[in-house]
Amino acid sequence: MDILSAKYDVGLDGETTGIFVTTPDTVDPDGTGNAAVTIFVPISLNNSDYAEIMRQVEAGDLTIQDADD
């Protein structure tokens, strides 16, 4: 997974709920050039995207930003 940025999300209860991940897309909606796509990845050991994010963090290839206050 090619990740441009990652940022934690915190729910109303103050608990971390997941990670917003921005990835490059090959074609933007109007068919010209490249665009970025942001997806939400829940924190779950059973989620393959979450596992890949954590692999990149452990390898030192990715830093997840803190959630906004």
Protein backbone atom coordinates (compact mmCIF):
# COMPACT_ATOMS: atom_id res chain seq x y z
CA MET A 1 0.00 0.00 0.00
CA ASP A 2 1.42 3.35 -1.07
CA ILE A 3 0.56 5.84 1.70
CA LEU A 4 1.00 9.60 1.41
CA SER A 5 -0.13 10.38 4.96
CA ALA A 6 -1.85 8.80 7.95
CA LYS A 7 -3.65 10.40 10.90
CA TYR A 8 -5.42 8.90 13.89
CA ASP A 9 -9.14 9.57 14.43
CA VAL A 10 -10.67 9.88 17.88
CA GLY A 11 -14.36 9.33 18.61
CA LEU A 12 -16.53 11.47 20.86
CA ASP A 13 -15.62 9.23 23.78
CA GLY A 14 -11.93 10.09 23.34
CA GLU A 15 -10.99 6.60 22.18
CA THR A 16 -8.97 6.11 19.00
CA THR A 17 -11.32 4.63 16.41
CA GLY A 18 -9.12 4.31 13.36
CA ILE A 19 -6.73 5.94 10.95
CA PHE A 20 -7.43 8.27 8.03
CA VAL A 21 -5.04 7.23 5.27
CA THR A 22 -4.34 9.24 2.13
CA THR A 23 -3.18 7.20 -0.85
CA PRO A 24 -2.42 8.22 -4.42
CA ASP A 25 -5.01 7.33 -7.02
CA THR A 26 -4.05 6.68 -10.61
CA VAL A 27 -6.73 8.86 -12.23
CA ASP A 28 -8.82 11.60 -10.71
CA PRO A 29 -12.59 11.63 -11.35
CA ASP A 30 -12.42 13.81 -14.46
CA GLY A 31 -9.78 11.54 -16.02
CA THR A 32 -6.89 13.99 -15.91
CA GLY A 33 -3.74 13.48 -13.90
CA ASN A 34 -3.45 12.02 -10.44
CA ALA A 35 -5.54 12.60 -7.34
CA ALA A 36 -5.31 11.54 -3.73
CA VAL A 37 -7.90 9.39 -2.02
CA THR A 38 -8.52 9.37 1.74
CA ILE A 39 -9.88 6.21 3.31
CA PHE A 40 -10.76 5.32 6.89
CA VAL A 41 -9.11 2.21 8.28
CA PRO A 42 -10.57 0.87 11.54
CA ILE A 43 -8.16 -0.35 14.18
CA SER A 44 -8.56 -4.09 13.93
CA LEU A 45 -5.93 -6.80 13.86
CA ASN A 46 -8.17 -8.65 11.39
CA ASN A 47 -8.08 -5.75 8.90
CA SER A 48 -5.41 -6.26 6.22
CA ASP A 49 -5.06 -2.49 5.59
CA TYR A 50 -4.47 -1.89 9.32
CA ALA A 51 -1.89 -4.68 9.40
CA GLU A 52 -0.06 -3.12 6.43
CA ILE A 53 -0.09 0.32 8.07
CA MET A 54 1.39 -1.13 11.26
CA ARG A 55 4.03 -3.02 9.24
CA GLN A 56 5.11 0.26 7.63
CA VAL A 57 5.19 2.01 11.02
CA GLU A 58 7.32 -0.77 12.54
CA ALA A 59 9.68 -0.64 9.54
CA GLY A 60 10.12 3.11 10.05
CA ASP A 61 8.56 3.93 6.68
CA LEU A 62 5.44 5.65 8.05
CA THR A 63 4.55 7.92 10.95
CA ILE A 64 0.92 8.30 11.98
CA GLN A 65 0.00 11.84 12.97
CA ASP A 66 -1.90 12.48 16.18
CA ALA A 67 -5.62 13.14 15.93
CA ASP A 68 -6.94 16.69 15.95
CA ASP A 69 -8.15 17.95 19.30
